[in-house]
Amino acid sequence: MILAVVIGTVVASAKSERTEGLKMLLLQPLDLEGKPKGNYVVAFDAVGAGVGEVVLYVTGSSARQTPATEGRPADAAIFAIVDTWDVGGVVKYEKMRDD
């Protein structure tokens, strides 16, 4: 599982029929301080994430284990939207709430 922030969307009009109906999002992986690290990733969205949200994603065969991606040619899939994370009892991230 890898932390990332959604930084954009990817649209492909010519693609495998097996991926029809799946939303693709552009992710920037994050370190434990919430700073960008590593290369960008395109992942299928299995949970309804949006731009600006922090998510957890998986790669490889794990990416094909969600109901949305099962049996499809997925190498990366978002499976959770992060509400908060802490390291050693110190909150490093907390999702903004609309109250």
Foldseek 3Di string as FASTA:
>chain_A
DFKWAFAAWDDDPDDDPLCPPWTKTKIFTADPLRHGDDDIDIFTEPDPDDHGFIFDKAADPVSCPGPNRPPGPGGMYTDGTDQWDDDPPHTNDGDDDDD
